[in-house]
Amino acid sequence: MTESSDRNELKKRLEHAKRIADSALDPLTKERLTHLVQELEEQLRLSEPGTGGGFHSARPPLSREPIKT
């Protein structure tokens, strides 16, 4: 894949995640989707020309452990 098509794919995934997050009803799903949106935004930002980034986020991966309330 080229950088342009990678960025286009990230943009599609980001918009899709935002739409799903907006319609999520339960708090846990909404929170996880919000984290996904943040990760995708970071990947998109890092993939901009001139940032020297790629698709690696500076954030650690999301935990799969349940959120304590």
PDB file of N, CA and C in Angstrom:
ATOM      1  N   MET A   1       0.830  -1.190   0.000  1.00  0.00           N
ATOM      2  CA  MET A   1       0.000   0.000   0.000  1.00  0.00           C
ATOM      3  C   MET A   1       0.871   1.248   0.000  1.00  0.00           C
ATOM      4  N   THR A   2       0.411   2.263  -0.634  1.00  0.00           N
ATOM      5  CA  THR A   2       1.138   3.521  -0.636  1.00  0.00           C
ATOM      6  C   THR A   2       0.750   4.339   0.585  1.00  0.00           C
ATOM      7  N   GLU A   3       1.547   5.362   0.877  1.00  0.00           N
ATOM      8  CA  GLU A   3       1.232   6.222   2.021  1.00  0.00           C
ATOM      9  C   GLU A   3      -0.130   6.869   1.866  1.00  0.00           C
ATOM     10  N   SER A   4      -0.447   7.271   0.632  1.00  0.00           N
ATOM     11  CA  SER A   4      -1.734   7.918   0.371  1.00  0.00           C
ATOM     12  C   SER A   4      -2.896   6.969   0.653  1.00  0.00           C
ATOM     13  N   SER A   5      -2.786   5.738   0.193  1.00  0.00           N
ATOM     14  CA  SER A   5      -3.878   4.790   0.424  1.00  0.00           C
ATOM     15  C   SER A   5      -3.947   4.381   1.892  1.00  0.00           C
ATOM     16  N   ASP A   6      -2.775   4.334   2.580  1.00  0.00           N
ATOM     17  CA  ASP A   6      -2.780   4.046   4.015  1.00  0.00           C
ATOM     18  C   ASP A   6      -3.511   5.147   4.781  1.00  0.00           C
ATOM     19  N   ARG A   7      -3.224   6.402   4.425  1.00  0.00           N
ATOM     20  CA  ARG A   7      -3.901   7.529   5.086  1.00  0.00           C
ATOM     21  C   ARG A   7      -5.394   7.524   4.792  1.00  0.00           C
ATOM     22  N   ASN A   8      -5.761   7.200   3.558  1.00  0.00           N
ATOM     23  CA  ASN A   8      -7.186   7.133   3.206  1.00  0.00           C
ATOM     24  C   ASN A   8      -7.882   6.043   4.006  1.00  0.00           C
ATOM     25  N   GLU A   9      -7.220   4.909   4.181  1.00  0.00           N
ATOM     26  CA  GLU A   9      -7.797   3.820   4.970  1.00  0.00           C
ATOM     27  C   GLU A   9      -7.950   4.250   6.432  1.00  0.00           C
ATOM     28  N   LEU A  10      -6.963   4.930   6.975  1.00  0.00           N
ATOM     29  CA  LEU A  10      -7.058   5.430   8.348  1.00  0.00           C
ATOM     30  C   LEU A  10      -8.219   6.412   8.493  1.00  0.00           C
ATOM     31  N   LYS A  11      -8.384   7.292   7.511  1.00  0.00           N
ATOM     32  CA  LYS A  11      -9.488   8.252   7.551  1.00  0.00           C
ATOM     33  C   LYS A  11     -10.838   7.540   7.539  1.00  0.00           C
ATOM     34  N   LYS A  12     -10.959   6.506   6.708  1.00  0.00           N
ATOM     35  CA  LYS A  12     -12.215   5.738   6.655  1.00  0.00           C
ATOM     36  C   LYS A  12     -12.489   5.068   7.990  1.00  0.00           C
ATOM     37  N   ARG A  13     -11.453   4.443   8.563  1.00  0.00           N
ATOM     38  CA  ARG A  13     -11.619   3.764   9.852  1.00  0.00           C
ATOM     39  C   ARG A  13     -11.983   4.752  10.945  1.00  0.00           C
ATOM     40  N   LEU A  14     -11.371   5.934  10.913  1.00  0.00           N
ATOM     41  CA  LEU A  14     -11.648   6.964  11.911  1.00  0.00           C
ATOM     42  C   LEU A  14     -13.100   7.426  11.824  1.00  0.00           C
ATOM     43  N   GLU A  15     -13.560   7.728  10.635  1.00  0.00           N
ATOM     44  CA  GLU A  15     -14.949   8.170  10.473  1.00  0.00           C
ATOM     45  C   GLU A  15     -15.935   7.084  10.890  1.00  0.00           C
ATOM     46  N   HIS A  16     -15.622   5.856  10.553  1.00  0.00           N
ATOM     47  CA  HIS A  16     -16.487   4.728  10.936  1.00  0.00           C
ATOM     48  C   HIS A  16     -16.531   4.605  12.463  1.00  0.00           C
ATOM     49  N   ALA A  17     -15.381   4.669  13.120  1.00  0.00           N
ATOM     50  CA  ALA A  17     -15.324   4.564  14.579  1.00  0.00           C
ATOM     51  C   ALA A  17     -16.079   5.710  15.241  1.00  0.00           C
ATOM     52  N   LYS A  18     -15.975   6.911  14.680  1.00  0.00           N
ATOM     53  CA  LYS A  18     -16.711   8.054  15.239  1.00  0.00           C
ATOM     54  C   LYS A  18     -18.216   7.851  15.143  1.00  0.00           C
ATOM     55  N   ARG A  19     -18.669   7.342  13.988  1.00  0.00           N
ATOM     56  CA  ARG A  19     -20.118   7.095  13.825  1.00  0.00           C
ATOM     57  C   ARG A  19     -20.614   6.059  14.824  1.00  0.00           C
ATOM     58  N   ILE A  20     -19.862   4.993  14.992  1.00  0.00           N
ATOM     59  CA  ILE A  20     -20.270   3.943  15.928  1.00  0.00           C
ATOM     60  C   ILE A  20     -20.238   4.476  17.354  1.00  0.00           C
ATOM     61  N   ALA A  21     -19.192   5.231  17.713  1.00  0.00           N
ATOM     62  CA  ALA A  21     -19.082   5.778  19.069  1.00  0.00           C
ATOM     63  C   ALA A  21     -20.247   6.709  19.377  1.00  0.00           C
ATOM     64  N   ASP A  22     -20.676   7.487  18.397  1.00  0.00           N
ATOM     65  CA  ASP A  22     -21.803   8.401  18.604  1.00  0.00           C
ATOM     66  C   ASP A  22     -23.107   7.670  18.885  1.00  0.00           C
ATOM     67  N   SER A  23     -23.225   6.455  18.366  1.00  0.00           N
ATOM     68  CA  SER A  23     -24.476   5.722  18.552  1.00  0.00           C
ATOM     69  C   SER A  23     -24.392   4.656  19.648  1.00  0.00           C
ATOM     70  N   ALA A  24     -23.227   4.503  20.278  1.00  0.00           N
ATOM     71  CA  ALA A  24     -23.081   3.499  21.342  1.00  0.00           C
ATOM     72  C   ALA A  24     -23.949   3.883  22.541  1.00  0.00           C
ATOM     73  N   LEU A  25     -24.611   2.896  23.098  1.00  0.00           N
ATOM     74  CA  LEU A  25     -25.520   3.165  24.203  1.00  0.00           C
ATOM     75  C   LEU A  25     -24.903   2.898  25.568  1.00  0.00           C
ATOM     76  N   ASP A  26     -24.091   1.851  25.685  1.00  0.00           N
ATOM     77  CA  ASP A  26     -23.551   1.552  27.006  1.00  0.00           C
ATOM     78  C   ASP A  26     -22.204   2.248  27.212  1.00  0.00           C
ATOM     79  N   PRO A  27     -21.914   2.654  28.442  1.00  0.00           N
ATOM     80  CA  PRO A  27     -20.714   3.440  28.739  1.00  0.00           C
ATOM     81  C   PRO A  27     -19.397   2.734  28.379  1.00  0.00           C
ATOM     82  N   LEU A  28     -19.302   1.433  28.610  1.00  0.00           N
ATOM     83  CA  LEU A  28     -18.063   0.714  28.340  1.00  0.00           C
ATOM     84  C   LEU A  28     -17.750   0.710  26.843  1.00  0.00           C
ATOM     85  N   THR A  29     -18.748   0.426  26.034  1.00  0.00           N
ATOM     86  CA  THR A  29     -18.545   0.428  24.579  1.00  0.00           C
ATOM     87  C   THR A  29     -18.170   1.819  24.106  1.00  0.00           C
ATOM     88  N   LYS A  30     -18.867   2.815  24.619  1.00  0.00           N
ATOM     89  CA  LYS A  30     -18.570   4.204  24.230  1.00  0.00           C
ATOM     90  C   LYS A  30     -17.140   4.570  24.601  1.00  0.00           C
ATOM     91  N   GLU A  31     -16.694   4.186  25.800  1.00  0.00           N
ATOM     92  CA  GLU A  31     -15.338   4.491  26.240  1.00  0.00           C
ATOM     93  C   GLU A  31     -14.299   3.793  25.366  1.00  0.00           C
ATOM     94  N   ARG A  32     -14.521   2.542  25.060  1.00  0.00           N
ATOM     95  CA  ARG A  32     -13.568   1.801  24.221  1.00  0.00           C
ATOM     96  C   ARG A  32     -13.509   2.386  22.806  1.00  0.00           C
ATOM     97  N   LEU A  33     -14.642   2.763  22.285  1.00  0.00           N
ATOM     98  CA  LEU A  33     -14.660   3.368  20.950  1.00  0.00           C
ATOM     99  C   LEU A  33     -14.005   4.748  20.959  1.00  0.00           C
ATOM    100  N   THR A  34     -14.175   5.474  22.047  1.00  0.00           N
ATOM    101  CA  THR A  34     -13.517   6.771  22.176  1.00  0.00           C
ATOM    102  C   THR A  34     -12.001   6.591  22.173  1.00  0.00           C
ATOM    103  N   HIS A  35     -11.522   5.562  22.862  1.00  0.00           N
ATOM    104  CA  HIS A  35     -10.085   5.267  22.845  1.00  0.00           C
ATOM    105  C   HIS A  35      -9.624   4.888  21.439  1.00  0.00           C
ATOM    106  N   LEU A  36     -10.428   4.115  20.734  1.00  0.00           N
ATOM    107  CA  LEU A  36     -10.088   3.741  19.365  1.00  0.00           C
ATOM    108  C   LEU A  36      -9.995   4.980  18.478  1.00  0.00           C
ATOM    109  N   VAL A  37     -10.953   5.878  18.624  1.00  0.00           N
ATOM    110  CA  VAL A  37     -10.941   7.125  17.847  1.00  0.00           C
ATOM    111  C   VAL A  37      -9.661   7.905  18.139  1.00  0.00           C
ATOM    112  N   GLN A  38      -9.280   7.995  19.413  1.00  0.00           N
ATOM    113  CA  GLN A  38      -8.061   8.708  19.778  1.00  0.00           C
ATOM    114  C   GLN A  38      -6.828   8.052  19.155  1.00  0.00           C
ATOM    115  N   GLU A  39      -6.777   6.724  19.185  1.00  0.00           N
ATOM    116  CA  GLU A  39      -5.656   6.001  18.587  1.00  0.00           C
ATOM    117  C   GLU A  39      -5.581   6.248  17.080  1.00  0.00           C
ATOM    118  N   LEU A  40      -6.707   6.197  16.415  1.00  0.00           N
ATOM    119  CA  LEU A  40      -6.730   6.412  14.970  1.00  0.00           C
ATOM    120  C   LEU A  40      -6.337   7.848  14.631  1.00  0.00           C
ATOM    121  N   GLU A  41      -6.789   8.809  15.435  1.00  0.00           N
ATOM    122  CA  GLU A  41      -6.398  10.204  15.207  1.00  0.00           C
ATOM    123  C   GLU A  41      -4.891  10.368  15.366  1.00  0.00           C
ATOM    124  N   GLU A  42      -4.330   9.706  16.366  1.00  0.00           N
ATOM    125  CA  GLU A  42      -2.879   9.769  16.583  1.00  0.00           C
ATOM    126  C   GLU A  42      -2.124   9.129  15.417  1.00  0.00           C
ATOM    127  N   GLN A  43      -2.591   7.979  14.955  1.00  0.00           N
ATOM    128  CA  GLN A  43      -1.947   7.318  13.818  1.00  0.00           C
ATOM    129  C   GLN A  43      -2.019   8.194  12.576  1.00  0.00           C
ATOM    130  N   LEU A  44      -3.149   8.819  12.370  1.00  0.00           N
ATOM    131  CA  LEU A  44      -3.315   9.697  11.213  1.00  0.00           C
ATOM    132  C   LEU A  44      -2.382  10.905  11.325  1.00  0.00           C
ATOM    133  N   ARG A  45      -2.291  11.470  12.507  1.00  0.00           N
ATOM    134  CA  ARG A  45      -1.400  12.608  12.726  1.00  0.00           C
ATOM    135  C   ARG A  45       0.057  12.205  12.473  1.00  0.00           C
ATOM    136  N   LEU A  46       0.447  11.045  12.969  1.00  0.00           N
ATOM    137  CA  LEU A  46       1.823  10.584  12.805  1.00  0.00           C
ATOM    138  C   LEU A  46       2.148  10.192  11.369  1.00  0.00           C
ATOM    139  N   SER A  47       1.134   9.880  10.589  1.00  0.00           N
ATOM    140  CA  SER A  47       1.376   9.464   9.209  1.00  0.00           C
ATOM    141  C   SER A  47       1.456  10.649   8.247  1.00  0.00           C
ATOM    142  N   GLU A  48       1.268  11.879   8.772  1.00  0.00           N
ATOM    143  CA  GLU A  48       1.353  13.058   7.920  1.00  0.00           C
ATOM    144  C   GLU A  48       2.772  13.202   7.395  1.00  0.00           C
ATOM    145  N   PRO A  49       2.899  13.614   6.153  1.00  0.00           N
ATOM    146  CA  PRO A  49       4.243  13.817   5.603  1.00  0.00           C
ATOM    147  C   PRO A  49       5.030  14.815   6.441  1.00  0.00           C
ATOM    148  N   GLY A  50       6.293  14.499   6.672  1.00  0.00           N
ATOM    149  CA  GLY A  50       7.152  15.403   7.418  1.00  0.00           C
ATOM    150  C   GLY A  50       7.179  15.169   8.913  1.00  0.00           C
ATOM    151  N   THR A  51       6.339  14.250   9.426  1.00  0.00           N
ATOM    152  CA  THR A  51       6.347  13.999  10.862  1.00  0.00           C
ATOM    153  C   THR A  51       7.319  12.891  11.217  1.00  0.00           C
ATOM    154  N   GLY A  52       7.796  12.160  10.221  1.00  0.00           N
ATOM    155  CA  GLY A  52       8.713  11.057  10.484  1.00  0.00           C
ATOM    156  C   GLY A  52       8.026   9.892  11.153  1.00  0.00           C
ATOM    157  N   GLY A  53       6.722   9.957  11.212  1.00  0.00           N
ATOM    158  CA  GLY A  53       5.974   8.900  11.877  1.00  0.00           C
ATOM    159  C   GLY A  53       5.688   7.765  10.932  1.00  0.00           C
ATOM    160  N   GLY A  54       4.986   6.859  11.355  1.00  0.00           N
ATOM    161  CA  GLY A  54       4.498   5.754  10.571  1.00  0.00           C
ATOM    162  C   GLY A  54       3.141   5.484  11.143  1.00  0.00           C
ATOM    163  N   PHE A  55       2.934   4.261  11.503  1.00  0.00           N
ATOM    164  CA  PHE A  55       1.653   3.918  12.094  1.00  0.00           C
ATOM    165  C   PHE A  55       1.822   3.456  13.531  1.00  0.00           C
ATOM    166  N   HIS A  56       2.910   3.852  14.162  1.00  0.00           N
ATOM    167  CA  HIS A  56       3.156   3.462  15.544  1.00  0.00           C
ATOM    168  C   HIS A  56       2.755   4.599  16.468  1.00  0.00           C
ATOM    169  N   SER A  57       1.909   4.307  17.405  1.00  0.00           N
ATOM    170  CA  SER A  57       1.458   5.308  18.353  1.00  0.00           C
ATOM    171  C   SER A  57       2.422   5.409  19.521  1.00  0.00           C
ATOM    172  N   ALA A  58       2.521   6.587  20.090  1.00  0.00           N
ATOM    173  CA  ALA A  58       3.347   6.787  21.270  1.00  0.00           C
ATOM    174  C   ALA A  58       2.654   6.235  22.516  1.00  0.00           C
ATOM    175  N   ARG A  59       1.371   6.011  22.417  1.00  0.00           N
ATOM    176  CA  ARG A  59       0.618   5.485  23.555  1.00  0.00           C
ATOM    177  C   ARG A  59       0.801   3.980  23.660  1.00  0.00           C
ATOM    178  N   PRO A  60       0.727   3.457  24.895  1.00  0.00           N
ATOM    179  CA  PRO A  60       0.747   1.999  25.028  1.00  0.00           C
ATOM    180  C   PRO A  60      -0.559   1.425  24.499  1.00  0.00           C
ATOM    181  N   PRO A  61      -0.586   0.143  24.135  1.00  0.00           N
ATOM    182  CA  PRO A  61      -1.822  -0.456  23.637  1.00  0.00           C
ATOM    183  C   PRO A  61      -2.908  -0.437  24.707  1.00  0.00           C
ATOM    184  N   LEU A  62      -4.140  -0.434  24.264  1.00  0.00           N
ATOM    185  CA  LEU A  62      -5.267  -0.433  25.175  1.00  0.00           C
ATOM    186  C   LEU A  62      -5.319  -1.729  25.968  1.00  0.00           C
ATOM    187  N   SER A  63      -5.684  -1.620  27.220  1.00  0.00           N
ATOM    188  CA  SER A  63      -5.806  -2.788  28.081  1.00  0.00           C
ATOM    189  C   SER A  63      -7.097  -3.520  27.777  1.00  0.00           C
ATOM    190  N   ARG A  64      -7.055  -4.809  27.861  1.00  0.00           N
ATOM    191  CA  ARG A  64      -8.262  -5.630  27.679  1.00  0.00           C
ATOM    192  C   ARG A  64      -8.939  -5.946  29.015  1.00  0.00           C
ATOM    193  N   GLU A  65      -8.361  -5.419  30.108  1.00  0.00           N
ATOM    194  CA  GLU A  65      -8.933  -5.680  31.404  1.00  0.00           C
ATOM    195  C   GLU A  65     -10.197  -4.855  31.596  1.00  0.00           C
ATOM    196  N   PRO A  66     -11.173  -5.401  32.339  1.00  0.00           N
ATOM    197  CA  PRO A  66     -12.407  -4.643  32.565  1.00  0.00           C
ATOM    198  C   PRO A  66     -12.124  -3.347  33.333  1.00  0.00           C
ATOM    199  N   ILE A  67     -12.919  -2.361  33.065  1.00  0.00           N
ATOM    200  CA  ILE A  67     -12.787  -1.087  33.748  1.00  0.00           C
ATOM    201  C   ILE A  67     -13.493  -1.178  35.096  1.00  0.00           C
ATOM    202  N   LYS A  68     -12.786  -0.799  36.135  1.00  0.00           N
ATOM    203  CA  LYS A  68     -13.369  -0.861  37.480  1.00  0.00           C
ATOM    204  C   LYS A  68     -14.188   0.386  37.721  1.00  0.00           C
ATOM    205  N   THR A  69     -15.396   0.190  38.228  1.00  0.00           N
ATOM    206  CA  THR A  69     -16.269   1.335  38.507  1.00  0.00           C
ATOM    207  C   THR A  69     -16.494   1.493  39.973  1.00  0.00           C
TER     208      THR A  69
END
